[in-house]
C-alpha atoms as a PDB file:
ATOM      1  CA  MET A   1     -26.283 -38.807  16.312  1.00  0.00           C
ATOM      2  CA  SER A   2     -25.643 -41.045  13.338  1.00  0.00           C
ATOM      3  CA  VAL A   3     -22.255 -42.346  12.282  1.00  0.00           C
ATOM      4  CA  LEU A   4     -22.469 -40.251   9.110  1.00  0.00           C
ATOM      5  CA  ASN A   5     -23.033 -37.036  11.096  1.00  0.00           C
ATOM      6  CA  LYS A   6     -20.097 -37.848  13.391  1.00  0.00           C
ATOM      7  CA  ALA A   7     -17.886 -38.514  10.383  1.00  0.00           C
ATOM      8  CA  LEU A   8     -18.905 -35.230   8.720  1.00  0.00           C
ATOM      9  CA  ILE A   9     -18.267 -33.258  11.908  1.00  0.00           C
ATOM     10  CA  THR A  10     -14.879 -34.944  12.379  1.00  0.00           C
ATOM     11  CA  ILE A  11     -13.861 -34.237   8.783  1.00  0.00           C
ATOM     12  CA  SER A  12     -15.040 -30.625   9.072  1.00  0.00           C
ATOM     13  CA  VAL A  13     -13.059 -30.076  12.278  1.00  0.00           C
ATOM     14  CA  LEU A  14      -9.925 -31.642  10.754  1.00  0.00           C
ATOM     15  CA  LEU A  15     -10.233 -29.474   7.638  1.00  0.00           C
ATOM     16  CA  LEU A  16     -10.685 -26.360   9.774  1.00  0.00           C
ATOM     17  CA  LEU A  17      -7.651 -27.235  11.897  1.00  0.00           C
ATOM     18  CA  GLY A  18      -5.606 -27.877   8.742  1.00  0.00           C
ATOM     19  CA  PHE A  19      -6.636 -24.536   7.279  1.00  0.00           C
ATOM     20  CA  VAL A  20      -5.830 -22.655  10.488  1.00  0.00           C
ATOM     21  CA  GLY A  21      -2.468 -24.432  10.735  1.00  0.00           C
ATOM     22  CA  CYS A  22      -1.515 -23.573   7.141  1.00  0.00           C
ATOM     23  CA  LYS A  23      -2.601 -19.962   7.589  1.00  0.00           C
ATOM     24  CA  SER A  24      -0.548 -19.697  10.795  1.00  0.00           C
ATOM     25  CA  LEU A  25       2.548 -21.111   9.070  1.00  0.00           C
ATOM     26  CA  ILE A  26       2.196 -18.677   6.161  1.00  0.00           C
ATOM     27  CA  ASN A  27       1.843 -15.755   8.591  1.00  0.00           C
ATOM     28  CA  HIS A  28       4.914 -16.961  10.510  1.00  0.00           C
ATOM     29  CA  ILE A  29       6.963 -17.150   7.292  1.00  0.00           C
ATOM     30  CA  TYR A  30       5.690 -13.756   6.127  1.00  0.00           C
ATOM     31  CA  ASN A  31       6.660 -12.093   9.395  1.00  0.00           C
ATOM     32  CA  ARG A  32      10.198 -13.552   9.492  1.00  0.00           C
ATOM     33  CA  THR A  33      12.681 -10.900   8.453  1.00  0.00           C
ATOM     34  CA  ASP A  34      15.992 -12.507   9.362  1.00  0.00           C
ATOM     35  CA  CYS A  35      18.219 -14.637   7.152  1.00  0.00           C
ATOM     36  CA  GLU A  36      17.989 -17.786   9.232  1.00  0.00           C
ATOM     37  CA  ARG A  37      14.778 -19.759   8.832  1.00  0.00           C
ATOM     38  CA  PHE A  38      12.368 -19.470   5.912  1.00  0.00           C
ATOM     39  CA  ASN A  39      14.550 -16.875   4.160  1.00  0.00           C
ATOM     40  CA  ILE A  40      13.676 -17.948   0.607  1.00  0.00           C
ATOM     41  CA  ASP A  41      10.027 -18.492   1.489  1.00  0.00           C
ATOM     42  CA  ASN A  42       9.794 -15.033   3.085  1.00  0.00           C
ATOM     43  CA  ILE A  43      11.190 -13.408  -0.046  1.00  0.00           C
ATOM     44  CA  GLU A  44       8.881 -15.398  -2.310  1.00  0.00           C
ATOM     45  CA  VAL A  45       5.767 -14.559  -0.290  1.00  0.00           C
ATOM     46  CA  ARG A  46       6.587 -10.855  -0.031  1.00  0.00           C
ATOM     47  CA  THR A  47       7.719 -10.268  -3.641  1.00  0.00           C
ATOM     48  CA  GLY A  48       5.910 -12.921  -5.660  1.00  0.00           C
ATOM     49  CA  ILE A  49       9.242 -13.880  -7.237  1.00  0.00           C
ATOM     50  CA  ASP A  50       9.972 -17.606  -7.359  1.00  0.00           C
ATOM     51  CA  ILE A  51      13.470 -18.490  -6.158  1.00  0.00           C
ATOM     52  CA  PRO A  52      14.602 -21.537  -8.189  1.00  0.00           C
ATOM     53  CA  PRO A  53      17.188 -24.062  -6.960  1.00  0.00           C
ATOM     54  CA  VAL A  54      20.316 -22.293  -5.758  1.00  0.00           C
ATOM     55  CA  SER A  55      23.910 -23.362  -5.191  1.00  0.00           C
ATOM     56  CA  GLU A  56      24.852 -20.529  -2.837  1.00  0.00           C
ATOM     57  CA  VAL A  57      23.119 -17.949  -0.656  1.00  0.00           C
ATOM     58  CA  ILE A  58      24.599 -14.847   0.936  1.00  0.00           C
ATOM     59  CA  CYS A  59      22.204 -12.891   3.111  1.00  0.00           C
ATOM     60  CA  GLU A  60      22.421  -9.898   5.412  1.00  0.00           C
ATOM     61  CA  PHE A  61      19.623  -8.445   7.529  1.00  0.00           C
ATOM     62  CA  LYS A  62      20.044  -5.052   9.186  1.00  0.00           C
ATOM     63  CA  GLU A  63      17.495  -4.862  11.957  1.00  0.00           C
ATOM     64  CA  SER A  64      18.094  -1.167  12.663  1.00  0.00           C
ATOM     65  CA  GLU A  65      17.261  -0.281   9.039  1.00  0.00           C
ATOM     66  CA  ARG A  66      14.702  -3.071   8.548  1.00  0.00           C
ATOM     67  CA  THR A  67      16.451  -4.130   5.334  1.00  0.00           C
ATOM     68  CA  LYS A  68      17.556  -7.451   3.913  1.00  0.00           C
ATOM     69  CA  VAL A  69      19.860  -8.131   0.993  1.00  0.00           C
ATOM     70  CA  ALA A  70      20.084 -11.698  -0.276  1.00  0.00           C
ATOM     71  CA  VAL A  71      22.240 -12.886  -3.160  1.00  0.00           C
ATOM     72  CA  PHE A  72      21.374 -16.253  -4.672  1.00  0.00           C
ATOM     73  CA  THR A  73      23.587 -18.072  -7.156  1.00  0.00           C
ATOM     74  CA  LEU A  74      21.086 -19.944  -9.303  1.00  0.00           C
ATOM     75  CA  GLU A  75      21.796 -23.471 -10.509  1.00  0.00           C
ATOM     76  CA  ARG A  76      22.428 -23.119 -14.231  1.00  0.00           C
ATOM     77  CA  ALA A  77      21.536 -26.715 -15.128  1.00  0.00           C
ATOM     78  CA  SER A  78      18.000 -26.551 -13.759  1.00  0.00           C
ATOM     79  CA  LEU A  79      17.081 -23.073 -15.034  1.00  0.00           C
ATOM     80  CA  ASP A  80      15.271 -22.167 -18.253  1.00  0.00           C
ATOM     81  CA  LEU A  81      16.239 -18.487 -18.099  1.00  0.00           C
ATOM     82  CA  ALA A  82      13.779 -17.168 -20.712  1.00  0.00           C
ATOM     83  CA  ARG A  83      10.849 -18.927 -19.045  1.00  0.00           C
ATOM     84  CA  TYR A  84      11.949 -17.891 -15.542  1.00  0.00           C
ATOM     85  CA  VAL A  85      12.302 -14.215 -16.492  1.00  0.00           C
ATOM     86  CA  LYS A  86       8.905 -14.114 -18.202  1.00  0.00           C
ATOM     87  CA  ARG A  87       7.075 -15.970 -15.415  1.00  0.00           C
ATOM     88  CA  ASN A  88       8.497 -13.646 -12.744  1.00  0.00           C
ATOM     89  CA  ASP A  89       7.943 -10.343 -14.583  1.00  0.00           C
ATOM     90  CA  PHE A  90      11.594  -9.349 -14.953  1.00  0.00           C
ATOM     91  CA  VAL A  91      12.420  -6.529 -17.374  1.00  0.00           C
ATOM     92  CA  ASP A  92      15.467  -6.793 -19.647  1.00  0.00           C
ATOM     93  CA  LYS A  93      17.957  -4.018 -18.843  1.00  0.00           C
ATOM     94  CA  GLY A  94      20.896  -5.187 -20.978  1.00  0.00           C
ATOM     95  CA  ALA A  95      23.383  -7.060 -18.785  1.00  0.00           C
ATOM     96  CA  PHE A  96      20.719  -7.887 -16.199  1.00  0.00           C
ATOM     97  CA  TYR A  97      17.006  -8.358 -15.605  1.00  0.00           C
ATOM     98  CA  LEU A  98      15.109  -6.223 -13.101  1.00  0.00           C
ATOM     99  CA  ASN A  99      11.962  -6.691 -11.031  1.00  0.00           C
ATOM    100  CA  THR A 100      10.932  -3.947  -8.628  1.00  0.00           C
ATOM    101  CA  GLY A 101       7.811  -3.454  -6.616  1.00  0.00           C
ATOM    102  CA  GLU A 102       6.182  -2.103  -3.529  1.00  0.00           C
ATOM    103  CA  ARG A 103       3.393  -3.237  -1.266  1.00  0.00           C
ATOM    104  CA  GLU A 104       1.910  -1.737   1.841  1.00  0.00           C
ATOM    105  CA  ASP A 105       4.584  -3.326   4.043  1.00  0.00           C
ATOM    106  CA  THR A 106       7.428  -4.217   1.672  1.00  0.00           C
ATOM    107  CA  LYS A 107       9.521  -2.590  -1.025  1.00  0.00           C
ATOM    108  CA  TRP A 108      11.868  -4.680  -3.176  1.00  0.00           C
ATOM    109  CA  ASN A 109      14.397  -4.574  -5.965  1.00  0.00           C
ATOM    110  CA  ALA A 110      15.446  -7.844  -7.606  1.00  0.00           C
ATOM    111  CA  ARG A 111      18.311  -7.869 -10.082  1.00  0.00           C
ATOM    112  CA  LEU A 112      19.294 -10.998 -12.028  1.00  0.00           C
ATOM    113  CA  ASP A 113      22.760 -10.951 -13.601  1.00  0.00           C
ATOM    114  CA  LYS A 114      22.490 -12.683 -16.996  1.00  0.00           C
ATOM    115  CA  GLU A 115      26.066 -13.935 -17.169  1.00  0.00           C
ATOM    116  CA  HIS A 116      26.648 -15.178 -13.602  1.00  0.00           C
ATOM    117  CA  LEU A 117      23.023 -16.058 -12.789  1.00  0.00           C
ATOM    118  CA  GLU A 118      23.194 -14.171  -9.514  1.00  0.00           C
ATOM    119  CA  LEU A 119      19.858 -12.984  -8.214  1.00  0.00           C
ATOM    120  CA  LYS A 120      20.243 -10.090  -5.777  1.00  0.00           C
ATOM    121  CA  VAL A 121      17.084  -9.238  -3.853  1.00  0.00           C
ATOM    122  CA  SER A 122      16.951  -6.125  -1.695  1.00  0.00           C
ATOM    123  CA  LEU A 123      13.979  -5.771   0.655  1.00  0.00           C
ATOM    124  CA  VAL A 124      12.834  -2.911   2.831  1.00  0.00           C
ATOM    125  CA  TYR A 125      10.402  -3.954   5.552  1.00  0.00           C
ATOM    126  CA  LYS A 126       8.168  -0.951   6.224  1.00  0.00           C
END
């Protein structure tokens, strides 16, 4: 076996292992429902809503109801509100913006208070 063939096989195996590792991490994050580890990532993956830099997070998960409510206080200085709202498909409802949706395994309601920049995300894990 030539050196080139060995190198190609080695690179292929490393790429495959990298892909499997990334896929496993994404699945792990997706399946986390608590408020401890990967909370923001779990919400982003399930809803498609980007959570920008935050200054405070309050989160509660009720295992018996399979629900999570997370309130994020967004950092005002680093947020272009008009761009953020448009990019994340929020709808203007007067004093707040709203993004709701449902997937096969998740239902969500995200409400962004315009004045206080509080993003409240309610999730139901089906």
